[in-house]
Amino acid sequence: MDVEKCLSGILKDLNNSVDVATRSLDICGVKIGFVYLKSMTDVKLFSDNIFNPISNFDGKIDFCVIKKLIQTNDISSCKKQEVLDKILCGVVVIVLSNSDKFLCVDIQSFLTRPPTEPPTSPVIMGPREGFTEDIKTNISLLRRRFHTENLVLKEMEVGQTSKTKIVISYLKNVADDKIVKKIEKKLSGIKIDGILDSYYLITLLSDRPNSILKQVGCAEKPDIICAKILEGRVAILVDNSPIVLTIPFLFLEDVQNSNDYYTNYIYASFVRWIRVLALFVAVLGPGFYIALELFHINVLPIKYLITIADATQQIPFTPFIEILFVYVLFQILYEVSLRLPSYLGLATSIVGALILGDTGVKAGLISPPTVIVVAIAKIMLYAIPEQSAQINIFQFVFLILGASLGVFGLVGGTIYVFSYANTLENYEAPYLAPFAPFILSDNKDGLFKVPISAMNELPKSIKNELQERTDA
């Protein structure tokens, strides 16, 4: 093989990028070439463990000798058509003039974030590790919790340009084989230029991609993902993303919280009911308030009616325009606070919530009851933060229903949403299980939580191979 021609060809294929490095040696008439990415490879390790040992060797050299000289175990050979992919992954490729083979040495090195407690899932007690953007680190976090040969880790590649690594993880003797094969088929059939984060896969993996309801679980903590794997779910890890997906998904999973399993089970049950109450108030609160004000004002207590009348008599807008204005204002403030630098976020909150709100009330543009109702609904939305996007949409829909049809519109809308959710199945798991259909054994970890000693059965809401936890 002409080493110089091979190296120049690789440089040309990689557009002579600034981070592509090539080195060459001549030992006893044998030309040796090295090519790697400086941005993805540990340059010091390359110099100390690969280049220097080979350059100091004086004798007949071939790939067998090089393998003995290189002071690392991650060595393999690759075909010519695989060379570019290997280099782009941070692998050092070695070519010899007396061989047509290519030797690959994996000494990847790039900046990664250490496992820290994720901001979306803080706990008072319990593990504080979180997934990172490095898929190897994430796999090790799973391995540390499963010392069993039944843990399966299958690697796939998705994205024609990004060629993102995706790892499917499950317990071989617990997860349903049909579900695993269905997930693998969907992933292998994805035609897209790039996968930059795990959220790219959510719509692509959903059985009903156009549904507003969330159909794929996600978490940033290894203990949550491992608990779901133990129940028979399949975890999907995506390189460059700290979010791990789980399938199948039930709505109940977002009502549950990791804190529930590290505290008293009675308190956990109480908090779950509070979350459900907050969910209904967040979705129906503004719509119910406007429905009472427009259609059913006669059912209000006289004292409250007088308070509402005094607060709204000077407002120039109709009740619907007023509450819609306050709703949009809160949503804009939320979007602004997400995108502003942290040192400006507090100032924006003070200006938006206090100055604008108080000034708007004093100026007679909005009424205090409207501000209170919308503020309570927006606060309670984050009792179940994983469903915040869906709840925001439902808030607006039920606000329209309450303003147009009154309480009857709210009741009809609620019945429709529950009926639609009840028809939803993702990967053969009923969306509203274990309530519809009602599964008594699964309700041990439903809205009421029993002690962990009493939860000796695997969930029947999702298909799995076992029934008893002790058999896993």
Protein backbone atom coordinates (compact mmCIF):
# COMPACT_ATOMS: atom_id res chain seq x y z
CA MET A 1 0.00 0.00 0.00
CA ASP A 2 1.24 3.50 -0.86
CA VAL A 3 1.07 5.12 2.59
CA GLU A 4 1.56 8.73 1.43
CA LYS A 5 -1.12 8.35 -1.22
CA CYS A 6 -3.47 6.75 1.32
CA LEU A 7 -2.94 9.56 3.86
CA SER A 8 -3.43 12.28 1.26
CA GLY A 9 -6.60 10.55 0.06
CA ILE A 10 -8.00 10.48 3.60
CA LEU A 11 -7.11 14.16 4.07
CA LYS A 12 -8.91 14.99 0.83
CA ASP A 13 -11.99 12.97 1.88
CA LEU A 14 -12.04 14.91 5.16
CA ASN A 15 -11.76 18.23 3.28
CA ASN A 16 -8.32 18.96 4.78
CA SER A 17 -10.04 19.94 8.02
CA VAL A 18 -7.89 21.77 10.55
CA ASP A 19 -8.20 19.08 13.22
CA VAL A 20 -7.09 16.18 11.01
CA ALA A 21 -3.51 15.11 11.86
CA THR A 22 -1.24 12.73 9.97
CA ARG A 23 2.15 11.32 11.00
CA SER A 24 4.48 8.94 9.20
CA LEU A 25 7.54 6.83 10.03
CA ASP A 26 10.04 4.74 8.08
CA ILE A 27 11.37 1.71 9.96
CA CYS A 28 13.68 -0.72 8.15
CA GLY A 29 12.16 0.20 4.79
CA VAL A 30 8.55 -0.15 5.99
CA LYS A 31 6.47 3.04 5.79
CA ILE A 32 3.99 3.54 8.66
CA GLY A 33 1.23 6.16 8.56
CA PHE A 34 -1.01 7.48 11.33
CA VAL A 35 -4.16 9.58 10.90
CA TYR A 36 -6.51 10.86 13.61
CA LEU A 37 -8.59 13.85 14.73
CA LYS A 38 -6.84 16.10 17.23
CA SER A 39 -10.22 17.28 18.51
CA MET A 40 -11.43 13.76 19.34
CA THR A 41 -8.24 11.88 20.25
CA ASP A 42 -6.05 11.93 23.34
CA VAL A 43 -2.92 13.37 21.73
CA LYS A 44 -0.69 12.69 24.76
CA LEU A 45 -1.83 9.07 24.91
CA PHE A 46 -1.16 8.75 21.18
CA SER A 47 2.36 10.10 21.61
CA ASP A 48 3.27 8.08 24.73
CA ASN A 49 1.52 4.76 24.01
CA ILE A 50 1.49 4.50 20.22
CA PHE A 51 3.89 6.76 18.30
CA ASN A 52 6.93 6.68 20.62
CA PRO A 53 6.98 2.89 21.21
CA ILE A 54 6.76 2.26 17.46
CA SER A 55 9.30 4.95 16.48
CA ASN A 56 11.82 3.57 19.01
CA PHE A 57 11.55 0.04 17.61
CA ASP A 58 14.39 -1.13 15.38
CA GLY A 59 13.61 -4.31 13.53
CA LYS A 60 11.24 -6.02 11.15
CA ILE A 61 7.79 -4.55 11.63
CA ASP A 62 4.29 -5.67 10.76
CA PHE A 63 0.83 -5.44 12.33
CA CYS A 64 1.53 -8.25 14.81
CA VAL A 65 4.60 -6.39 16.09
CA ILE A 66 2.67 -3.09 16.25
CA LYS A 67 -0.07 -4.72 18.34
CA LYS A 68 2.57 -5.83 20.84
CA LEU A 69 4.22 -2.40 20.91
CA ILE A 70 1.04 -0.39 21.41
CA GLN A 71 0.34 -0.01 25.13
CA THR A 72 -3.46 -0.18 24.97
CA ASN A 73 -5.94 -3.02 24.66
CA ASP A 74 -8.57 -1.37 22.44
CA ILE A 75 -7.11 -2.43 19.08
CA SER A 76 -8.99 -3.80 16.08
CA SER A 77 -8.73 -4.00 12.33
CA CYS A 78 -11.13 -2.39 9.88
CA LYS A 79 -11.96 -2.41 6.19
CA LYS A 80 -11.12 0.40 3.80
CA GLN A 81 -14.74 1.61 3.62
CA GLU A 82 -14.85 1.87 7.43
CA VAL A 83 -11.73 4.04 7.81
CA LEU A 84 -13.43 7.44 7.59
CA ASP A 85 -16.15 6.47 10.08
CA LYS A 86 -13.51 5.22 12.53
CA ILE A 87 -11.47 8.43 12.26
CA LEU A 88 -14.57 10.59 12.73
CA CYS A 89 -15.32 8.68 15.94
CA GLY A 90 -11.92 9.58 17.43
CA VAL A 91 -10.04 6.41 16.50
CA VAL A 92 -6.38 6.42 15.38
CA VAL A 93 -5.98 4.57 12.07
CA ILE A 94 -2.58 3.02 11.24
CA VAL A 95 -1.52 1.97 7.72
CA LEU A 96 1.55 -0.01 6.64
CA SER A 97 3.24 -0.09 3.27
CA ASN A 98 3.66 -3.87 3.51
CA SER A 99 -0.03 -4.60 4.22
CA ASP A 100 -3.44 -3.83 2.76
CA LYS A 101 -5.07 -3.86 6.22
CA PHE A 102 -5.93 -0.92 8.49
CA LEU A 103 -5.32 -1.01 12.24
CA CYS A 104 -7.62 0.97 14.55
CA VAL A 105 -6.72 2.10 18.08
CA ASP A 106 -9.50 3.65 20.15
CA ILE A 107 -8.11 6.42 22.36
CA GLN A 108 -11.05 8.83 22.27
CA SER A 109 -10.77 11.89 24.44
CA PHE A 110 -13.12 14.87 24.56
CA LEU A 111 -14.61 17.05 27.26
CA THR A 112 -17.53 15.44 29.07
CA ARG A 113 -19.67 16.61 31.95
CA PRO A 114 -19.33 14.57 35.17
CA PRO A 115 -22.49 12.86 36.51
CA THR A 116 -24.29 15.44 38.67
CA GLU A 117 -27.79 15.78 40.05
CA PRO A 118 -30.02 16.81 37.13
CA PRO A 119 -31.95 20.08 37.60
CA THR A 120 -35.22 18.45 36.53
CA SER A 121 -35.18 15.63 39.13
CA PRO A 122 -33.82 16.80 42.49
CA VAL A 123 -34.34 14.52 45.49
CA ILE A 124 -34.28 15.14 49.24
CA MET A 125 -32.98 11.62 49.84
CA GLY A 126 -31.73 9.09 47.31
CA PRO A 127 -29.12 8.91 44.53
CA ARG A 128 -27.99 12.22 43.08
CA GLU A 129 -26.26 10.93 39.98
CA GLY A 130 -27.58 11.99 36.61
CA PHE A 131 -26.89 10.92 33.06
CA THR A 132 -24.44 12.92 30.97
CA GLU A 133 -23.98 13.57 27.25
CA ASP A 134 -21.42 10.74 26.97
CA ILE A 135 -23.07 7.43 26.14
CA LYS A 136 -20.17 5.38 27.57
CA THR A 137 -20.60 7.09 30.94
CA ASN A 138 -24.35 6.44 30.81
CA ILE A 139 -23.83 2.75 30.06
CA SER A 140 -21.47 2.48 33.03
CA LEU A 141 -24.12 4.07 35.27
CA LEU A 142 -26.52 1.29 34.25
CA ARG A 143 -23.92 -1.46 34.60
CA ARG A 144 -23.11 -0.39 38.16
CA ARG A 145 -26.73 -1.11 39.11
CA PHE A 146 -27.19 -4.40 37.24
CA HIS A 147 -24.66 -7.11 38.05
CA THR A 148 -26.35 -9.66 35.83
CA GLU A 149 -25.67 -11.27 32.48
CA ASN A 150 -29.33 -10.69 31.55
CA LEU A 151 -28.79 -6.97 30.97
CA VAL A 152 -28.75 -6.53 27.19
CA LEU A 153 -27.09 -3.54 25.52
CA LYS A 154 -27.56 -3.37 21.74
CA GLU A 155 -25.88 -0.62 19.73
CA MET A 156 -27.40 0.93 16.61
CA GLU A 157 -26.55 3.92 14.42
CA VAL A 158 -29.18 6.44 13.32
CA GLY A 159 -28.80 9.53 11.16
CA GLN A 160 -27.19 9.58 7.74
CA THR A 161 -25.05 12.64 8.57
CA SER A 162 -24.75 12.56 12.37
CA LYS A 163 -24.45 8.73 12.60
CA THR A 164 -25.52 8.94 16.21
CA LYS A 165 -24.92 5.95 18.47
CA ILE A 166 -28.07 4.59 20.08
CA VAL A 167 -28.06 1.83 22.69
CA ILE A 168 -31.15 -0.24 23.50
CA SER A 169 -31.07 -1.65 27.03
CA TYR A 170 -33.38 -4.17 28.70
CA LEU A 171 -33.43 -7.30 30.86
CA LYS A 172 -33.53 -10.37 28.62
CA ASN A 173 -35.64 -12.47 30.98
CA VAL A 174 -38.12 -9.68 31.81
CA ALA A 175 -38.81 -7.47 28.76
CA ASP A 176 -41.22 -8.76 26.13
CA ASP A 177 -39.33 -9.89 23.03
CA LYS A 178 -42.03 -8.60 20.63
CA ILE A 179 -41.76 -5.09 22.06
CA VAL A 180 -37.96 -5.17 21.77
CA LYS A 181 -38.15 -6.26 18.13
CA LYS A 182 -40.75 -3.59 17.34
CA ILE A 183 -38.49 -0.87 18.80
CA GLU A 184 -35.48 -2.20 16.87
CA LYS A 185 -37.51 -2.26 13.65
CA LYS A 186 -38.67 1.34 14.13
CA LEU A 187 -35.17 2.58 14.91
CA SER A 188 -33.59 0.76 11.96
CA GLY A 189 -36.28 2.18 9.66
CA ILE A 190 -35.69 5.83 10.60
CA LYS A 191 -34.57 7.90 7.62
CA ILE A 192 -33.24 11.24 8.85
CA ASP A 193 -30.11 13.31 8.34
CA GLY A 194 -29.23 13.66 12.01
CA ILE A 195 -30.23 12.83 15.58
CA LEU A 196 -28.88 15.55 17.89
CA ASP A 197 -30.84 14.61 21.02
CA SER A 198 -33.05 11.79 22.28
CA TYR A 199 -36.14 14.01 21.88
CA TYR A 200 -35.74 13.65 18.10
CA LEU A 201 -36.80 10.01 18.54
CA ILE A 202 -39.95 10.58 20.60
CA THR A 203 -42.27 11.30 17.68
CA LEU A 204 -40.53 8.69 15.52
CA LEU A 205 -41.10 5.98 18.16
CA SER A 206 -44.68 6.92 19.10
CA ASP A 207 -47.51 4.68 17.88
CA ARG A 208 -49.60 7.82 17.27
CA PRO A 209 -47.06 10.48 16.31
CA ASN A 210 -49.71 13.20 15.81
CA SER A 211 -51.27 12.78 19.24
CA ILE A 212 -50.89 15.56 21.79
CA LEU A 213 -50.51 13.00 24.58
CA LYS A 214 -47.03 11.95 25.61
CA GLN A 215 -46.31 8.35 24.59
CA VAL A 216 -42.63 7.83 25.43
CA GLY A 217 -41.17 8.09 28.92
CA CYS A 218 -37.98 10.00 29.68
CA ALA A 219 -35.71 10.56 32.67
CA GLU A 220 -32.28 11.94 33.53
CA LYS A 221 -31.53 9.71 36.54
CA PRO A 222 -30.09 6.17 36.41
CA ASP A 223 -32.14 4.97 39.40
CA ILE A 224 -35.40 5.90 37.64
CA ILE A 225 -34.36 4.21 34.39
CA CYS A 226 -33.16 1.08 36.20
CA ALA A 227 -36.44 0.83 38.11
CA LYS A 228 -38.33 0.96 34.80
CA ILE A 229 -36.04 -1.65 33.24
CA LEU A 230 -36.74 -3.94 36.21
CA GLU A 231 -40.45 -3.64 35.43
CA GLY A 232 -39.94 -4.83 31.86
CA ARG A 233 -39.50 -1.59 29.97
CA VAL A 234 -36.89 -0.93 27.29
CA ALA A 235 -34.48 2.00 27.76
CA ILE A 236 -33.05 3.90 24.79
CA LEU A 237 -29.77 5.77 25.34
CA VAL A 238 -28.70 8.34 22.76
CA ASP A 239 -25.15 9.64 22.45
CA ASN A 240 -24.79 13.38 23.21
CA SER A 241 -28.01 13.43 25.24
CA PRO A 242 -28.54 13.12 29.02
CA ILE A 243 -32.19 12.17 28.47
CA VAL A 244 -32.90 8.43 28.36
CA LEU A 245 -36.18 7.25 26.81
CA THR A 246 -38.29 4.35 28.08
CA ILE A 247 -40.97 2.28 26.33
CA PRO A 248 -43.80 1.39 26.99
CA PHE A 249 -45.09 4.50 28.78
CA LEU A 250 -48.11 4.93 31.07
CA PHE A 251 -49.57 8.26 32.21
CA LEU A 252 -49.19 7.12 35.83
CA GLU A 253 -45.39 7.28 35.49
CA ASP A 254 -45.48 11.09 35.45
CA VAL A 255 -47.68 11.19 38.55
CA GLN A 256 -45.02 9.16 40.33
CA ASN A 257 -41.76 10.74 41.45
CA SER A 258 -38.40 9.32 42.52
CA ASN A 259 -38.85 10.98 45.93
CA ASP A 260 -41.86 8.68 46.50
CA TYR A 261 -39.56 5.68 46.79
CA TYR A 262 -37.17 7.28 49.27
CA THR A 263 -39.79 8.42 51.77
CA ASN A 264 -42.67 7.07 53.84
CA TYR A 265 -45.23 5.27 51.66
CA ILE A 266 -48.19 7.01 53.36
CA TYR A 267 -46.72 10.42 52.63
CA ALA A 268 -45.98 9.32 49.06
CA SER A 269 -49.65 8.38 48.58
CA PHE A 270 -50.77 11.74 49.98
CA VAL A 271 -48.43 13.67 47.67
CA ARG A 272 -49.62 11.74 44.60
CA TRP A 273 -53.22 12.77 45.29
CA ILE A 274 -52.02 16.37 45.67
CA ARG A 275 -50.36 16.13 42.25
CA VAL A 276 -53.57 14.84 40.65
CA LEU A 277 -55.57 17.63 42.31
CA ALA A 278 -53.03 20.18 41.04
CA LEU A 279 -53.33 18.67 37.55
CA PHE A 280 -57.13 19.16 37.47
CA VAL A 281 -56.88 22.70 38.87
CA ALA A 282 -54.18 23.60 36.33
CA VAL A 283 -56.20 22.28 33.37
CA LEU A 284 -59.75 23.24 34.40
CA GLY A 285 -59.18 26.22 36.73
CA PRO A 286 -59.15 29.15 34.26
CA GLY A 287 -61.91 27.59 32.14
CA PHE A 288 -64.08 26.95 35.20
CA TYR A 289 -63.60 30.53 36.44
CA ILE A 290 -64.59 32.09 33.13
CA ALA A 291 -67.55 29.69 32.80
CA LEU A 292 -68.89 30.76 36.19
CA GLU A 293 -68.37 34.43 35.40
CA LEU A 294 -70.11 34.27 32.01
CA PHE A 295 -72.79 31.56 32.34
CA HIS A 296 -73.29 30.42 35.93
CA ILE A 297 -72.77 33.53 38.03
CA ASN A 298 -75.97 32.79 39.96
CA VAL A 299 -74.37 29.75 41.65
CA LEU A 300 -71.66 31.87 43.28
CA PRO A 301 -72.06 32.85 46.99
CA ILE A 302 -73.32 36.41 47.35
CA LYS A 303 -70.17 37.63 49.16
CA TYR A 304 -67.91 36.27 46.44
CA LEU A 305 -70.25 37.66 43.78
CA ILE A 306 -69.97 41.15 45.29
CA THR A 307 -66.16 40.81 45.37
CA ILE A 308 -66.07 39.81 41.70
CA ALA A 309 -68.43 42.63 40.74
CA ASP A 310 -66.36 45.25 42.59
CA ALA A 311 -63.12 43.97 41.05
CA THR A 312 -64.38 43.82 37.45
CA GLN A 313 -66.79 46.75 37.10
CA GLN A 314 -64.05 49.14 35.86
CA ILE A 315 -62.39 46.64 33.49
CA PRO A 316 -62.77 47.80 29.84
CA PHE A 317 -62.46 44.28 28.40
CA THR A 318 -64.89 41.38 28.36
CA PRO A 319 -64.10 38.61 30.91
CA PHE A 320 -62.84 36.31 28.17
CA ILE A 321 -60.50 38.92 26.62
CA GLU A 322 -59.24 39.81 30.09
CA ILE A 323 -58.36 36.25 31.16
CA LEU A 324 -56.92 35.49 27.71
CA PHE A 325 -54.68 38.57 28.01
CA VAL A 326 -53.43 37.50 31.46
CA TYR A 327 -52.91 33.90 30.26
CA VAL A 328 -50.83 35.01 27.25
CA LEU A 329 -48.89 37.47 29.43
CA PHE A 330 -47.89 34.69 31.86
CA GLN A 331 -46.89 32.44 28.98
CA ILE A 332 -44.73 35.16 27.40
CA LEU A 333 -43.03 35.84 30.75
CA TYR A 334 -42.29 32.13 31.08
CA GLU A 335 -40.78 31.92 27.59
CA VAL A 336 -38.70 35.05 28.20
CA SER A 337 -37.38 33.75 31.53
CA LEU A 338 -36.22 30.52 29.83
CA ARG A 339 -34.10 32.34 27.27
CA LEU A 340 -32.68 35.20 29.31
CA PRO A 341 -29.32 34.89 31.10
CA SER A 342 -29.72 33.79 34.72
CA TYR A 343 -28.72 37.19 36.11
CA LEU A 344 -31.54 38.84 34.12
CA GLY A 345 -34.13 36.14 34.85
CA LEU A 346 -34.84 37.32 38.41
CA ALA A 347 -35.18 40.92 37.29
CA THR A 348 -37.61 39.90 34.54
CA SER A 349 -39.69 37.90 37.02
CA ILE A 350 -39.90 40.87 39.37
CA VAL A 351 -40.77 43.31 36.58
CA GLY A 352 -43.27 40.95 34.95
CA ALA A 353 -45.01 39.43 37.93
CA LEU A 354 -44.96 42.33 40.39
CA ILE A 355 -44.69 45.60 38.49
CA LEU A 356 -46.73 44.71 35.39
CA GLY A 357 -49.31 42.73 37.36
CA ASP A 358 -49.74 45.30 40.11
CA THR A 359 -49.72 48.23 37.68
CA GLY A 360 -52.23 46.47 35.41
CA VAL A 361 -54.62 45.97 38.33
CA LYS A 362 -54.25 49.56 39.54
CA ALA A 363 -54.72 50.88 36.01
CA GLY A 364 -57.96 48.94 35.71
CA LEU A 365 -56.85 46.82 32.77
CA ILE A 366 -57.06 43.48 34.60
CA SER A 367 -58.81 42.36 37.80
CA PRO A 368 -57.14 40.74 40.85
CA PRO A 369 -59.30 37.55 40.73
CA THR A 370 -58.23 36.90 37.14
CA VAL A 371 -54.55 37.33 37.98
CA ILE A 372 -54.90 34.98 40.98
CA VAL A 373 -56.75 32.27 39.02
CA VAL A 374 -54.26 32.24 36.13
CA ALA A 375 -51.25 32.42 38.50
CA ILE A 376 -52.51 29.46 40.56
CA ALA A 377 -53.15 27.45 37.39
CA LYS A 378 -49.64 28.22 36.08
CA ILE A 379 -48.01 27.30 39.38
CA MET A 380 -49.93 24.03 39.75
CA LEU A 381 -48.95 23.09 36.21
CA TYR A 382 -45.47 22.23 37.52
CA ALA A 383 -46.73 19.73 40.10
CA ILE A 384 -46.27 17.29 37.19
CA PRO A 385 -43.48 19.04 35.22
CA GLU A 386 -43.04 16.17 32.74
CA GLN A 387 -46.56 16.92 31.42
CA SER A 388 -46.21 20.73 31.38
CA ALA A 389 -46.29 21.00 27.57
CA GLN A 390 -49.50 18.99 27.28
CA ILE A 391 -51.13 20.77 30.25
CA ASN A 392 -50.39 24.17 28.68
CA ILE A 393 -52.30 23.18 25.54
CA PHE A 394 -55.20 21.71 27.51
CA GLN A 395 -55.40 24.89 29.64
CA PHE A 396 -55.98 26.95 26.53
CA VAL A 397 -58.48 24.46 25.03
CA PHE A 398 -60.56 24.29 28.23
CA LEU A 399 -60.40 28.07 28.55
CA ILE A 400 -62.06 28.31 25.12
CA LEU A 401 -64.62 25.63 26.06
CA GLY A 402 -65.49 27.37 29.32
CA ALA A 403 -65.87 30.75 27.61
CA SER A 404 -68.06 29.38 24.80
CA LEU A 405 -70.13 26.57 26.38
CA GLY A 406 -69.77 27.06 30.13
CA VAL A 407 -69.52 24.15 32.56
CA PHE A 408 -71.20 21.87 30.01
CA GLY A 409 -68.29 22.50 27.65
CA LEU A 410 -65.80 21.65 30.40
CA VAL A 411 -67.63 18.42 31.27
CA GLY A 412 -67.90 17.42 27.61
CA GLY A 413 -64.24 18.24 26.98
CA THR A 414 -63.14 16.24 30.04
CA ILE A 415 -65.17 13.22 28.93
CA TYR A 416 -63.69 13.45 25.42
CA VAL A 417 -60.09 13.68 26.68
CA PHE A 418 -60.53 10.69 29.02
CA SER A 419 -62.27 8.68 26.27
CA TYR A 420 -59.49 9.45 23.80
CA ALA A 421 -56.75 8.63 26.34
CA ASN A 422 -58.54 5.37 27.13
CA THR A 423 -58.29 4.30 23.47
CA LEU A 424 -54.57 5.02 23.38
CA GLU A 425 -52.14 2.12 23.54
CA ASN A 426 -48.43 2.35 23.03
CA TYR A 427 -46.56 -0.90 22.53
CA GLU A 428 -49.57 -2.89 23.82
CA ALA A 429 -49.73 -0.93 27.11
CA PRO A 430 -53.06 0.86 27.86
CA TYR A 431 -52.29 4.55 28.42
CA LEU A 432 -54.51 4.91 31.52
CA ALA A 433 -53.56 1.58 33.13
CA PRO A 434 -53.88 0.45 35.89
CA PHE A 435 -57.13 2.46 36.19
CA ALA A 436 -58.58 1.73 32.75
CA PRO A 437 -58.48 -1.22 32.58
CA PHE A 438 -58.47 -1.60 36.34
CA ILE A 439 -55.62 -3.85 37.49
CA LEU A 440 -55.71 -4.42 41.23
CA SER A 441 -52.13 -5.62 41.67
CA ASP A 442 -50.70 -2.63 39.77
CA ASN A 443 -52.61 -0.21 41.99
CA LYS A 444 -50.22 -1.09 44.79
CA ASP A 445 -48.02 1.54 43.17
CA GLY A 446 -50.78 3.72 41.74
CA LEU A 447 -52.35 6.74 43.41
CA PHE A 448 -51.96 4.83 46.65
CA LYS A 449 -48.54 3.36 47.39
CA VAL A 450 -47.99 0.32 49.58
CA PRO A 451 -44.72 -0.59 51.33
CA ILE A 452 -42.07 -1.96 49.00
CA SER A 453 -42.26 -5.33 50.80
CA ALA A 454 -45.82 -5.71 49.47
CA MET A 455 -44.88 -4.97 45.84
CA ASN A 456 -43.77 -8.48 44.90
CA GLU A 457 -45.35 -8.63 41.43
CA LEU A 458 -44.21 -7.09 38.17
CA PRO A 459 -46.68 -4.70 36.51
CA LYS A 460 -49.38 -6.37 34.43
CA SER A 461 -50.08 -3.06 32.66
CA ILE A 462 -47.10 -3.67 30.38
CA LYS A 463 -46.21 -6.94 28.71
CA ASN A 464 -43.27 -8.77 30.26
CA GLU A 465 -41.98 -12.33 30.54
CA LEU A 466 -42.27 -12.72 34.33
CA GLN A 467 -44.90 -12.20 37.02
CA GLU A 468 -42.93 -12.26 40.27
CA ARG A 469 -40.11 -9.83 41.04
CA THR A 470 -38.14 -12.54 42.81
CA ASP A 471 -37.83 -14.49 39.53
CA ALA A 472 -36.15 -11.62 37.70
